[in-house]
């Protein structure tokens, strides 16, 4: 019963926000902004730029709130807007290069050892070239399929697979360096 009640409260809050109730909009922002900032941060290195993008994306959320049809999760709908805003920002402000390759390696990027902190992992992901980083985030973190990534970024499906493979190889190399360093072998 609580699930239904919580869902109903969220639905009512959304309806109030659609009617430009500033208090309801503030509540939605307060509820979802921490998670959405972390989504933006996955794509954008600079925390201040990530915050700016998140705020811009929230403006789009509130402008388009009446288009939310209560199909699927509201958080997922907001997350999609955040990801699209990050991709738009990267496209406009940076020249993202994708390496076209017909073949790709399907490397397994297994569990990262628990001794690495989230900050360590984010640092490694931040070190990836922009194209690799975007595809890696969309595939590994957001759960997009290669055909969806290709469509979203305007690249071929093979390029998406290639970028993911290269990102995994690069991350695995960096993880191995960290392991060697922490074990004192380097």
N, C-alpha and C. Protein backbone atom coordinates (compact mmCIF):
# COMPACT_ATOMS: atom_id res chain seq x y z
N UNK A 1 0.81 -1.20 0.00
CA UNK A 1 0.00 0.00 0.00
C UNK A 1 0.85 1.26 0.00
N UNK A 2 2.00 1.23 0.66
CA UNK A 2 2.87 2.40 0.70
C UNK A 2 3.36 2.77 -0.69
N UNK A 3 3.66 1.76 -1.50
CA UNK A 3 4.16 2.03 -2.85
C UNK A 3 3.12 2.82 -3.63
N UNK A 4 1.89 2.42 -3.55
CA UNK A 4 0.82 3.12 -4.25
C UNK A 4 0.68 4.53 -3.70
N UNK A 5 0.75 4.67 -2.39
CA UNK A 5 0.62 5.98 -1.77
C UNK A 5 1.78 6.89 -2.21
N UNK A 6 3.01 6.38 -2.19
CA UNK A 6 4.15 7.18 -2.61
C UNK A 6 4.04 7.56 -4.07
N UNK A 7 3.62 6.61 -4.91
CA UNK A 7 3.45 6.89 -6.33
C UNK A 7 2.38 7.95 -6.53
N UNK A 8 1.31 7.86 -5.76
CA UNK A 8 0.23 8.83 -5.86
C UNK A 8 0.71 10.22 -5.44
N UNK A 9 1.52 10.29 -4.39
CA UNK A 9 2.05 11.58 -3.94
C UNK A 9 2.93 12.20 -5.02
N UNK A 10 3.76 11.36 -5.66
CA UNK A 10 4.62 11.87 -6.74
C UNK A 10 3.77 12.38 -7.90
N UNK A 11 2.71 11.66 -8.22
CA UNK A 11 1.81 12.05 -9.30
C UNK A 11 1.15 13.40 -9.00
N UNK A 12 0.72 13.56 -7.75
CA UNK A 12 0.09 14.83 -7.34
C UNK A 12 1.12 15.97 -7.38
N UNK A 13 2.32 15.69 -6.94
CA UNK A 13 3.39 16.69 -6.95
C UNK A 13 3.70 17.12 -8.39
N UNK A 14 3.74 16.17 -9.29
CA UNK A 14 3.99 16.46 -10.71
C UNK A 14 2.86 17.34 -11.26
N UNK A 15 1.63 16.99 -10.92
CA UNK A 15 0.49 17.77 -11.41
C UNK A 15 0.54 19.21 -10.90
N UNK A 16 0.91 19.39 -9.65
CA UNK A 16 1.05 20.74 -9.09
C UNK A 16 2.17 21.49 -9.81
N UNK A 17 3.26 20.80 -10.10
CA UNK A 17 4.38 21.44 -10.80
C UNK A 17 3.98 21.83 -12.22
N UNK A 18 3.16 21.01 -12.87
CA UNK A 18 2.66 21.35 -14.22
C UNK A 18 1.86 22.64 -14.17
N UNK A 19 1.16 22.85 -13.06
CA UNK A 19 0.35 24.06 -12.88
C UNK A 19 1.18 25.24 -12.39
N UNK A 20 2.51 25.13 -12.51
CA UNK A 20 3.47 26.17 -12.14
C UNK A 20 3.49 26.49 -10.64
N UNK A 21 3.18 25.51 -9.81
CA UNK A 21 3.30 25.67 -8.37
C UNK A 21 4.78 25.61 -8.05
N UNK A 22 5.36 26.73 -7.65
CA UNK A 22 6.80 26.84 -7.41
C UNK A 22 7.27 25.94 -6.27
N UNK A 23 6.42 25.77 -5.28
CA UNK A 23 6.78 24.92 -4.14
C UNK A 23 6.90 23.46 -4.60
N UNK A 24 5.99 23.02 -5.45
CA UNK A 24 6.04 21.66 -5.97
C UNK A 24 7.27 21.48 -6.87
N UNK A 25 7.56 22.49 -7.68
CA UNK A 25 8.75 22.42 -8.53
C UNK A 25 10.01 22.34 -7.68
N UNK A 26 10.05 23.13 -6.61
CA UNK A 26 11.20 23.11 -5.71
C UNK A 26 11.34 21.74 -5.06
N UNK A 27 10.24 21.13 -4.67
CA UNK A 27 10.28 19.80 -4.06
C UNK A 27 10.83 18.77 -5.04
N UNK A 28 10.38 18.82 -6.29
CA UNK A 28 10.88 17.89 -7.31
C UNK A 28 12.38 18.10 -7.53
N UNK A 29 12.77 19.36 -7.62
CA UNK A 29 14.19 19.67 -7.81
C UNK A 29 15.02 19.14 -6.63
N UNK A 30 14.56 19.39 -5.42
CA UNK A 30 15.27 18.95 -4.22
C UNK A 30 15.35 17.43 -4.16
N UNK A 31 14.29 16.77 -4.56
CA UNK A 31 14.25 15.31 -4.52
C UNK A 31 15.19 14.67 -5.54
N UNK A 32 15.24 15.22 -6.75
CA UNK A 32 15.95 14.56 -7.84
C UNK A 32 17.32 15.17 -8.18
N UNK A 33 17.61 16.38 -7.73
CA UNK A 33 18.86 17.03 -8.15
C UNK A 33 20.13 16.29 -7.74
N UNK A 34 20.22 15.71 -6.55
CA UNK A 34 21.48 14.99 -6.23
C UNK A 34 21.78 13.85 -7.20
N UNK A 35 20.77 13.05 -7.51
CA UNK A 35 20.97 11.94 -8.46
C UNK A 35 21.28 12.46 -9.85
N UNK A 36 20.59 13.50 -10.25
CA UNK A 36 20.78 14.02 -11.61
C UNK A 36 22.13 14.71 -11.76
N UNK A 37 22.63 15.30 -10.68
CA UNK A 37 23.97 15.89 -10.75
C UNK A 37 25.00 14.78 -10.97
N UNK A 38 24.80 13.65 -10.33
CA UNK A 38 25.75 12.55 -10.53
C UNK A 38 25.65 12.00 -11.95
N UNK A 39 24.46 12.03 -12.54
CA UNK A 39 24.31 11.62 -13.95
C UNK A 39 25.10 12.58 -14.83
N UNK A 40 24.93 13.87 -14.63
CA UNK A 40 25.64 14.87 -15.43
C UNK A 40 27.15 14.75 -15.22
N UNK A 41 27.53 14.49 -14.00
CA UNK A 41 28.95 14.38 -13.67
C UNK A 41 29.61 13.20 -14.38
N UNK A 42 28.84 12.17 -14.70
CA UNK A 42 29.39 11.03 -15.44
C UNK A 42 29.87 11.44 -16.83
N UNK A 43 29.26 12.45 -17.39
CA UNK A 43 29.60 12.89 -18.74
C UNK A 43 30.50 14.12 -18.76
N UNK A 44 30.39 14.95 -17.75
CA UNK A 44 31.08 16.23 -17.71
C UNK A 44 32.08 16.24 -16.56
N UNK A 45 33.37 16.48 -16.87
CA UNK A 45 34.42 16.45 -15.84
C UNK A 45 34.25 17.55 -14.80
N UNK A 46 34.04 18.76 -15.27
CA UNK A 46 34.00 19.92 -14.38
C UNK A 46 32.66 19.96 -13.63
N UNK A 47 32.74 19.94 -12.30
CA UNK A 47 31.54 19.91 -11.47
C UNK A 47 30.66 21.14 -11.69
N UNK A 48 31.27 22.30 -11.93
CA UNK A 48 30.50 23.52 -12.13
C UNK A 48 29.74 23.48 -13.45
N UNK A 49 30.37 22.97 -14.49
CA UNK A 49 29.67 22.81 -15.77
C UNK A 49 28.56 21.77 -15.63
N UNK A 50 28.84 20.69 -14.89
CA UNK A 50 27.83 19.66 -14.68
C UNK A 50 26.61 20.25 -13.96
N UNK A 51 26.85 21.12 -12.98
CA UNK A 51 25.74 21.77 -12.27
C UNK A 51 24.95 22.68 -13.21
N UNK A 52 25.67 23.44 -14.04
CA UNK A 52 24.99 24.32 -15.01
C UNK A 52 24.11 23.52 -15.96
N UNK A 53 24.66 22.42 -16.44
CA UNK A 53 23.90 21.58 -17.37
C UNK A 53 22.69 20.98 -16.68
N UNK A 54 22.87 20.54 -15.43
CA UNK A 54 21.75 19.98 -14.68
C UNK A 54 20.64 21.02 -14.51
N UNK A 55 21.02 22.24 -14.19
CA UNK A 55 20.01 23.29 -14.01
C UNK A 55 19.29 23.58 -15.32
N UNK A 56 20.05 23.64 -16.41
CA UNK A 56 19.44 23.85 -17.73
C UNK A 56 18.48 22.71 -18.06
N UNK A 57 18.91 21.49 -17.76
CA UNK A 57 18.06 20.33 -18.02
C UNK A 57 16.80 20.35 -17.16
N UNK A 58 16.93 20.79 -15.91
CA UNK A 58 15.73 20.90 -15.06
C UNK A 58 14.76 21.94 -15.61
N UNK A 59 15.30 23.00 -16.20
CA UNK A 59 14.40 23.98 -16.84
C UNK A 59 13.60 23.28 -17.94
N UNK A 60 14.28 22.44 -18.73
CA UNK A 60 13.59 21.68 -19.78
C UNK A 60 12.57 20.71 -19.18
N UNK A 61 12.93 20.11 -18.03
CA UNK A 61 11.99 19.21 -17.36
C UNK A 61 10.71 19.98 -17.02
N UNK A 62 10.84 21.16 -16.42
CA UNK A 62 9.66 21.90 -15.99
C UNK A 62 8.87 22.47 -17.17
N UNK A 63 9.57 22.85 -18.23
CA UNK A 63 8.87 23.36 -19.42
C UNK A 63 8.08 22.24 -20.09
N UNK A 64 8.63 21.02 -20.07
CA UNK A 64 8.00 19.89 -20.77
C UNK A 64 7.28 18.92 -19.83
N UNK A 65 7.07 19.32 -18.60
CA UNK A 65 6.47 18.43 -17.61
C UNK A 65 5.09 17.93 -18.01
N UNK A 66 4.35 18.76 -18.71
CA UNK A 66 3.01 18.33 -19.13
C UNK A 66 3.07 17.19 -20.14
N UNK A 67 4.25 16.96 -20.74
CA UNK A 67 4.41 15.87 -21.70
C UNK A 67 4.70 14.53 -21.04
N UNK A 68 5.00 14.53 -19.74
CA UNK A 68 5.23 13.27 -19.04
C UNK A 68 3.89 12.56 -18.91
N UNK A 69 3.83 11.33 -19.40
CA UNK A 69 2.56 10.61 -19.50
C UNK A 69 2.35 9.59 -18.39
N UNK A 70 3.16 9.62 -17.36
CA UNK A 70 3.08 8.65 -16.26
C UNK A 70 3.24 7.22 -16.74
N UNK A 71 3.97 7.06 -17.85
CA UNK A 71 4.33 5.73 -18.33
C UNK A 71 5.80 5.55 -18.01
N UNK A 72 6.13 4.57 -17.20
CA UNK A 72 7.51 4.40 -16.78
C UNK A 72 7.78 5.31 -15.59
N UNK A 73 9.04 5.30 -15.18
CA UNK A 73 9.38 6.07 -13.98
C UNK A 73 9.65 7.53 -14.32
N UNK A 74 9.25 8.39 -13.43
CA UNK A 74 9.48 9.81 -13.58
C UNK A 74 10.97 10.09 -13.51
N UNK A 75 11.67 9.39 -12.60
CA UNK A 75 13.11 9.57 -12.48
C UNK A 75 13.82 9.19 -13.78
N UNK A 76 13.37 8.12 -14.41
CA UNK A 76 13.95 7.71 -15.69
C UNK A 76 13.73 8.76 -16.77
N UNK A 77 12.56 9.38 -16.76
CA UNK A 77 12.24 10.43 -17.74
C UNK A 77 13.17 11.63 -17.55
N UNK A 78 13.36 12.02 -16.29
CA UNK A 78 14.26 13.14 -16.00
C UNK A 78 15.69 12.77 -16.39
N UNK A 79 16.10 11.56 -16.06
CA UNK A 79 17.46 11.09 -16.36
C UNK A 79 17.74 11.17 -17.86
N UNK A 80 16.78 10.79 -18.66
CA UNK A 80 16.94 10.82 -20.11
C UNK A 80 17.17 12.26 -20.59
N UNK A 81 16.45 13.21 -20.01
CA UNK A 81 16.63 14.62 -20.35
C UNK A 81 18.04 15.07 -19.96
N UNK A 82 18.50 14.64 -18.80
CA UNK A 82 19.86 15.01 -18.33
C UNK A 82 20.91 14.47 -19.29
N UNK A 83 20.79 13.21 -19.67
CA UNK A 83 21.77 12.59 -20.58
C UNK A 83 21.77 13.33 -21.92
N UNK A 84 20.59 13.60 -22.45
CA UNK A 84 20.51 14.31 -23.74
C UNK A 84 21.12 15.71 -23.65
N UNK A 85 20.91 16.38 -22.53
CA UNK A 85 21.47 17.72 -22.34
C UNK A 85 22.99 17.66 -22.27
N UNK A 86 23.51 16.65 -21.60
CA UNK A 86 24.98 16.47 -21.52
C UNK A 86 25.57 16.21 -22.90
N UNK A 87 24.92 15.35 -23.65
CA UNK A 87 25.40 15.04 -25.01
C UNK A 87 25.36 16.28 -25.88
N UNK A 88 24.29 17.05 -25.77
CA UNK A 88 24.19 18.30 -26.55
C UNK A 88 25.31 19.26 -26.18
N UNK A 89 25.58 19.39 -24.89
CA UNK A 89 26.65 20.28 -24.43
C UNK A 89 28.00 19.84 -25.00
N UNK A 90 28.27 18.55 -24.93
CA UNK A 90 29.55 18.04 -25.43
C UNK A 90 29.67 18.26 -26.93
N UNK A 91 28.60 18.04 -27.65
CA UNK A 91 28.62 18.25 -29.11
C UNK A 91 28.91 19.70 -29.46
N UNK A 92 28.27 20.61 -28.74
CA UNK A 92 28.42 22.04 -29.04
C UNK A 92 29.79 22.57 -28.64
N UNK A 93 30.27 22.13 -27.49
CA UNK A 93 31.49 22.71 -26.93
C UNK A 93 32.78 21.96 -27.21
N UNK A 94 32.67 20.76 -27.65
CA UNK A 94 33.88 19.98 -27.89
C UNK A 94 33.72 19.20 -29.19
N UNK A 95 34.83 19.01 -29.83
CA UNK A 95 34.80 18.18 -31.02
C UNK A 95 35.08 16.74 -30.59
N UNK A 96 34.04 15.94 -30.62
CA UNK A 96 34.17 14.55 -30.23
C UNK A 96 34.60 13.76 -31.45
N UNK A 97 35.64 12.98 -31.28
CA UNK A 97 36.14 12.17 -32.39
C UNK A 97 35.82 10.71 -32.14
N UNK A 98 35.25 10.09 -33.15
CA UNK A 98 34.97 8.67 -33.09
C UNK A 98 35.88 7.97 -34.09
N UNK A 99 36.45 6.89 -33.66
CA UNK A 99 37.33 6.13 -34.53
C UNK A 99 36.48 5.11 -35.27
N UNK A 100 36.43 5.23 -36.58
CA UNK A 100 35.67 4.28 -37.38
C UNK A 100 36.47 3.01 -37.58
N UNK A 101 35.91 1.91 -37.19
CA UNK A 101 36.53 0.62 -37.41
C UNK A 101 35.45 -0.37 -37.76
N UNK A 102 35.75 -1.23 -38.68
CA UNK A 102 34.80 -2.24 -39.07
C UNK A 102 34.76 -3.38 -38.05
N UNK A 103 35.89 -3.66 -37.45
CA UNK A 103 35.92 -4.75 -36.48
C UNK A 103 36.10 -4.17 -35.10
N UNK A 104 35.73 -4.93 -34.15
CA UNK A 104 35.89 -4.50 -32.77
C UNK A 104 36.14 -5.73 -31.92
N UNK A 105 36.75 -5.51 -30.79
CA UNK A 105 37.01 -6.59 -29.85
C UNK A 105 35.95 -6.54 -28.77
N UNK A 106 35.42 -7.68 -28.43
CA UNK A 106 34.45 -7.73 -27.34
C UNK A 106 35.19 -8.13 -26.07
N UNK A 107 35.81 -7.14 -25.45
CA UNK A 107 36.57 -7.36 -24.23
C UNK A 107 35.59 -7.48 -23.07
N UNK A 108 35.94 -8.29 -22.11
CA UNK A 108 35.10 -8.36 -20.92
C UNK A 108 35.68 -7.42 -19.88
N UNK A 109 34.85 -6.52 -19.44
CA UNK A 109 35.26 -5.56 -18.42
C UNK A 109 34.61 -6.04 -17.13
N UNK A 110 35.30 -6.93 -16.46
CA UNK A 110 34.75 -7.58 -15.28
C UNK A 110 34.72 -6.64 -14.09
N UNK A 111 34.20 -7.16 -13.01
CA UNK A 111 34.05 -6.36 -11.79
C UNK A 111 35.35 -5.68 -11.40
N UNK A 112 35.24 -4.42 -11.12
CA UNK A 112 36.40 -3.66 -10.65
C UNK A 112 36.56 -4.00 -9.18
N UNK A 113 37.78 -4.27 -8.78
CA UNK A 113 38.01 -4.67 -7.40
C UNK A 113 37.48 -3.62 -6.44
N UNK A 114 36.94 -4.10 -5.34
CA UNK A 114 36.26 -3.22 -4.40
C UNK A 114 37.21 -2.24 -3.70
N UNK A 115 38.53 -2.45 -3.83
CA UNK A 115 39.45 -1.54 -3.16
C UNK A 115 39.52 -0.17 -3.83
N UNK A 116 38.98 -0.05 -5.04
CA UNK A 116 38.97 1.25 -5.71
C UNK A 116 37.72 2.00 -5.32
N UNK A 117 37.89 3.26 -4.98
CA UNK A 117 36.74 4.07 -4.58
C UNK A 117 35.98 4.54 -5.81
N UNK A 118 34.81 5.05 -5.59
CA UNK A 118 34.00 5.60 -6.67
C UNK A 118 34.74 6.77 -7.32
N UNK A 119 35.42 7.56 -6.50
CA UNK A 119 36.20 8.68 -7.04
C UNK A 119 37.32 8.20 -7.94
N UNK A 120 37.98 7.09 -7.56
CA UNK A 120 39.03 6.51 -8.40
C UNK A 120 38.47 6.10 -9.75
N UNK A 121 37.34 5.42 -9.71
CA UNK A 121 36.72 4.94 -10.95
C UNK A 121 36.27 6.11 -11.81
N UNK A 122 35.65 7.13 -11.17
CA UNK A 122 35.22 8.31 -11.93
C UNK A 122 36.41 9.02 -12.54
N UNK A 123 37.52 9.08 -11.82
CA UNK A 123 38.75 9.69 -12.33
C UNK A 123 39.22 8.95 -13.58
N UNK A 124 39.18 7.62 -13.54
CA UNK A 124 39.59 6.83 -14.70
C UNK A 124 38.66 7.06 -15.89
N UNK A 125 37.37 7.10 -15.62
CA UNK A 125 36.40 7.35 -16.71
C UNK A 125 36.59 8.75 -17.27
N UNK A 126 36.86 9.73 -16.40
CA UNK A 126 37.11 11.10 -16.85
C UNK A 126 38.32 11.19 -17.76
N UNK A 127 39.28 10.28 -17.59
CA UNK A 127 40.49 10.28 -18.40
C UNK A 127 40.30 9.73 -19.80
N UNK A 128 39.15 9.16 -20.07
CA UNK A 128 38.89 8.62 -21.41
C UNK A 128 38.67 9.76 -22.40
N UNK A 129 39.05 9.56 -23.67
CA UNK A 129 38.67 10.54 -24.70
C UNK A 129 37.15 10.67 -24.73
N UNK A 130 36.66 11.82 -25.12
CA UNK A 130 35.21 12.12 -25.04
C UNK A 130 34.34 11.08 -25.74
N UNK A 131 34.72 10.66 -26.93
CA UNK A 131 33.93 9.67 -27.67
C UNK A 131 33.83 8.36 -26.91
N UNK A 132 34.95 7.89 -26.40
CA UNK A 132 34.98 6.65 -25.62
C UNK A 132 34.10 6.80 -24.38
N UNK A 133 34.26 7.94 -23.71
CA UNK A 133 33.55 8.19 -22.46
C UNK A 133 32.04 8.19 -22.66
N UNK A 134 31.60 8.90 -23.71
CA UNK A 134 30.16 8.97 -23.96
C UNK A 134 29.57 7.60 -24.23
N UNK A 135 30.22 6.84 -25.12
CA UNK A 135 29.70 5.51 -25.45
C UNK A 135 29.76 4.60 -24.23
N UNK A 136 30.86 4.64 -23.48
CA UNK A 136 30.98 3.81 -22.28
C UNK A 136 29.86 4.13 -21.29
N UNK A 137 29.63 5.41 -21.01
CA UNK A 137 28.58 5.80 -20.07
C UNK A 137 27.20 5.36 -20.56
N UNK A 138 26.92 5.59 -21.83
CA UNK A 138 25.61 5.23 -22.36
C UNK A 138 25.38 3.72 -22.30
N UNK A 139 26.42 2.95 -22.60
CA UNK A 139 26.28 1.49 -22.61
C UNK A 139 26.35 0.89 -21.21
N UNK A 140 27.44 1.16 -20.51
CA UNK A 140 27.70 0.49 -19.23
C UNK A 140 26.89 1.06 -18.07
N UNK A 141 26.61 2.34 -18.10
CA UNK A 141 25.94 2.96 -16.96
C UNK A 141 24.45 3.18 -17.23
N UNK A 142 24.14 3.72 -18.41
CA UNK A 142 22.74 4.00 -18.72
C UNK A 142 21.98 2.79 -19.27
N UNK A 143 22.72 1.80 -19.79
CA UNK A 143 22.07 0.58 -20.27
C UNK A 143 21.53 0.65 -21.69
N UNK A 144 22.00 1.61 -22.49
CA UNK A 144 21.57 1.70 -23.87
C UNK A 144 22.16 0.56 -24.68
N UNK A 145 21.49 0.17 -25.74
CA UNK A 145 22.01 -0.81 -26.69
C UNK A 145 22.80 -0.06 -27.76
N UNK A 146 23.65 -0.79 -28.48
CA UNK A 146 24.50 -0.14 -29.47
C UNK A 146 23.69 0.57 -30.56
N UNK A 147 22.58 -0.02 -30.98
CA UNK A 147 21.78 0.64 -32.02
C UNK A 147 21.17 1.95 -31.49
N UNK A 148 20.82 1.99 -30.20
CA UNK A 148 20.29 3.22 -29.60
C UNK A 148 21.38 4.27 -29.48
N UNK A 149 22.57 3.85 -29.08
CA UNK A 149 23.70 4.77 -28.95
C UNK A 149 24.04 5.35 -30.32
N UNK A 150 24.07 4.49 -31.33
CA UNK A 150 24.39 4.94 -32.69
C UNK A 150 23.39 5.99 -33.14
N UNK A 151 22.13 5.74 -32.91
CA UNK A 151 21.09 6.69 -33.30
C UNK A 151 21.20 8.01 -32.53
N UNK A 152 21.43 7.91 -31.24
CA UNK A 152 21.52 9.08 -30.38
C UNK A 152 22.71 9.97 -30.73
N UNK A 153 23.85 9.34 -31.05
CA UNK A 153 25.07 10.10 -31.32
C UNK A 153 25.33 10.34 -32.80
N UNK A 154 24.53 9.76 -33.66
CA UNK A 154 24.73 9.94 -35.10
C UNK A 154 25.97 9.23 -35.62
N UNK A 155 26.23 8.03 -35.10
CA UNK A 155 27.37 7.24 -35.54
C UNK A 155 26.86 5.85 -35.94
N UNK A 156 27.73 5.05 -36.53
CA UNK A 156 27.30 3.70 -36.89
C UNK A 156 27.32 2.80 -35.66
N UNK A 157 26.61 1.70 -35.75
CA UNK A 157 26.58 0.73 -34.66
C UNK A 157 27.97 0.14 -34.43
N UNK A 158 28.70 -0.09 -35.52
CA UNK A 158 30.07 -0.60 -35.42
C UNK A 158 30.98 0.37 -34.69
N UNK A 159 30.80 1.66 -34.95
CA UNK A 159 31.61 2.67 -34.25
C UNK A 159 31.30 2.65 -32.77
N UNK A 160 30.03 2.51 -32.42
CA UNK A 160 29.64 2.42 -31.02
C UNK A 160 30.33 1.23 -30.35
N UNK A 161 30.30 0.10 -30.99
CA UNK A 161 30.94 -1.11 -30.44
C UNK A 161 32.45 -0.92 -30.33
N UNK A 162 33.03 -0.31 -31.33
CA UNK A 162 34.47 -0.07 -31.34
C UNK A 162 34.87 0.88 -30.21
N UNK A 163 34.11 1.97 -30.04
CA UNK A 163 34.40 2.94 -28.99
C UNK A 163 34.31 2.28 -27.61
N UNK A 164 33.31 1.42 -27.43
CA UNK A 164 33.16 0.73 -26.16
C UNK A 164 34.35 -0.21 -25.91
N UNK A 165 34.73 -0.92 -26.92
CA UNK A 165 35.86 -1.84 -26.79
C UNK A 165 37.14 -1.09 -26.43
N UNK A 166 37.39 0.00 -27.12
CA UNK A 166 38.59 0.81 -26.83
C UNK A 166 38.53 1.40 -25.42
N UNK A 167 37.35 1.85 -25.02
CA UNK A 167 37.19 2.41 -23.67
C UNK A 167 37.49 1.34 -22.62
N UNK A 168 36.97 0.15 -22.83
CA UNK A 168 37.20 -0.94 -21.89
C UNK A 168 38.69 -1.28 -21.81
N UNK A 169 39.33 -1.35 -22.97
CA UNK A 169 40.76 -1.67 -22.98
C UNK A 169 41.57 -0.60 -22.24
N UNK A 170 41.22 0.65 -22.50
CA UNK A 170 41.94 1.75 -21.87
C UNK A 170 41.71 1.73 -20.35
N UNK A 171 40.48 1.52 -19.93
CA UNK A 171 40.18 1.46 -18.50
C UNK A 171 40.87 0.27 -17.84
N UNK A 172 40.85 -0.87 -18.51
CA UNK A 172 41.51 -2.05 -17.96
C UNK A 172 43.01 -1.81 -17.80
N UNK A 173 43.62 -1.14 -18.76
CA UNK A 173 45.03 -0.80 -18.66
C UNK A 173 45.30 0.12 -17.48
N UNK A 174 44.44 1.11 -17.29
CA UNK A 174 44.61 2.04 -16.17
C UNK A 174 44.41 1.32 -14.84
N UNK A 175 43.44 0.41 -14.79
CA UNK A 175 43.20 -0.36 -13.55
C UNK A 175 44.41 -1.23 -13.24
N UNK A 176 44.97 -1.86 -14.26
CA UNK A 176 46.16 -2.69 -14.05
C UNK A 176 47.32 -1.84 -13.53
N UNK A 177 47.47 -0.62 -14.06
CA UNK A 177 48.52 0.27 -13.57
C UNK A 177 48.30 0.60 -12.09
N UNK A 178 47.04 0.89 -11.74
CA UNK A 178 46.72 1.19 -10.33
C UNK A 178 47.00 -0.01 -9.44
N UNK A 179 46.63 -1.20 -9.92
CA UNK A 179 46.88 -2.42 -9.15
C UNK A 179 48.37 -2.59 -8.93
N UNK A 180 49.14 -2.47 -10.00
CA UNK A 180 50.61 -2.63 -9.90
C UNK A 180 51.20 -1.60 -8.95
N UNK A 181 50.71 -0.39 -9.04
CA UNK A 181 51.22 0.68 -8.18
C UNK A 181 50.88 0.39 -6.72
N UNK A 182 49.64 -0.03 -6.47
CA UNK A 182 49.22 -0.28 -5.09
C UNK A 182 49.89 -1.53 -4.50
N UNK A 183 50.27 -2.48 -5.36
CA UNK A 183 50.96 -3.67 -4.88
C UNK A 183 52.48 -3.47 -4.82
N UNK A 184 52.92 -2.31 -5.23
CA UNK A 184 54.33 -1.98 -5.14
C UNK A 184 55.19 -2.64 -6.21
N UNK A 185 54.57 -3.07 -7.31
CA UNK A 185 55.35 -3.70 -8.38
C UNK A 185 55.83 -2.71 -9.40
N UNK A 186 55.49 -1.47 -9.25
CA UNK A 186 55.94 -0.44 -10.18
C UNK A 186 56.48 0.73 -9.44
